[in-house]
């Protein structure tokens, strides 16, 4: 299960199928060449997402990995 406090590194290692979603939503990840340090929530906040939007991102990512 994906949580907002999962590190980006762990997220892409364990759930590589999330890379397209992250990239399409401008959230830094390995594919875009930015450093992968920090959590999903931190990366999303750097791109201007608020807490409610981050909850939706987490929900969307869990739907992707649970297909």
Protein backbone atom coordinates (compact mmCIF):
# COMPACT_ATOMS: atom_id res chain seq x y z
CA UNK A 1 0.00 0.00 0.00
CA UNK A 2 1.18 3.50 -0.82
CA UNK A 3 1.12 6.23 1.81
CA UNK A 4 1.97 9.91 1.53
CA UNK A 5 5.12 9.33 3.59
CA UNK A 6 6.57 6.67 1.29
CA UNK A 7 9.91 7.76 -0.11
CA UNK A 8 10.05 8.42 -3.82
CA UNK A 9 12.86 5.90 -4.09
CA UNK A 10 10.81 3.17 -2.41
CA UNK A 11 7.73 4.07 -4.44
CA UNK A 12 9.41 3.67 -7.82
CA UNK A 13 11.37 0.59 -6.78
CA UNK A 14 8.34 -1.26 -5.43
CA UNK A 15 5.73 0.16 -7.82
CA UNK A 16 7.36 1.03 -11.16
CA UNK A 17 3.91 1.17 -12.73
CA UNK A 18 3.41 4.52 -10.94
CA UNK A 19 6.11 6.29 -12.98
CA UNK A 20 3.76 7.42 -15.76
CA UNK A 21 1.31 8.89 -13.26
CA UNK A 22 4.07 10.72 -11.39
CA UNK A 23 5.53 12.09 -14.58
CA UNK A 24 2.15 13.24 -15.94
CA UNK A 25 1.50 15.08 -12.67
CA UNK A 26 4.93 16.74 -12.64
CA UNK A 27 6.01 14.95 -9.47
CA UNK A 28 9.72 14.36 -9.47
CA UNK A 29 10.84 10.83 -9.98
CA UNK A 30 13.71 8.90 -11.50
CA UNK A 31 12.33 9.24 -15.01
CA UNK A 32 12.44 13.04 -14.95
CA UNK A 33 16.04 13.05 -13.78
CA UNK A 34 15.47 14.93 -10.53
CA UNK A 35 16.84 13.61 -7.23
CA UNK A 36 14.65 11.00 -5.59
CA UNK A 37 15.19 11.97 -1.96
CA UNK A 38 12.18 12.73 0.20
CA UNK A 39 8.65 11.49 0.46
CA UNK A 40 5.77 11.50 -1.98
CA UNK A 41 4.08 14.25 0.03
CA UNK A 42 7.23 16.41 0.03
CA UNK A 43 7.69 15.97 -3.72
CA UNK A 44 4.04 16.85 -4.38
CA UNK A 45 4.19 19.93 -2.13
CA UNK A 46 7.26 21.13 -4.05
CA UNK A 47 5.06 21.12 -7.15
CA UNK A 48 2.31 23.10 -5.41
CA UNK A 49 -0.12 20.34 -4.45
CA UNK A 50 -2.10 20.88 -1.23
CA UNK A 51 -2.96 18.23 1.37
CA UNK A 52 -6.30 17.33 -0.22
CA UNK A 53 -4.69 16.96 -3.64
CA UNK A 54 -1.96 14.79 -2.12
CA UNK A 55 -4.62 12.51 -0.63
CA UNK A 56 -6.10 12.13 -4.13
CA UNK A 57 -2.66 11.35 -5.57
CA UNK A 58 -2.14 8.64 -2.94
CA UNK A 59 -5.59 7.23 -3.70
CA UNK A 60 -4.95 7.28 -7.46
CA UNK A 61 -1.58 5.55 -7.03
CA UNK A 62 -3.14 2.83 -4.88
CA UNK A 63 -5.76 2.25 -7.57
CA UNK A 64 -3.00 1.88 -10.16
CA UNK A 65 -1.04 -0.68 -8.15
CA UNK A 66 -4.12 -2.65 -7.10
CA UNK A 67 -5.41 -3.26 -10.63
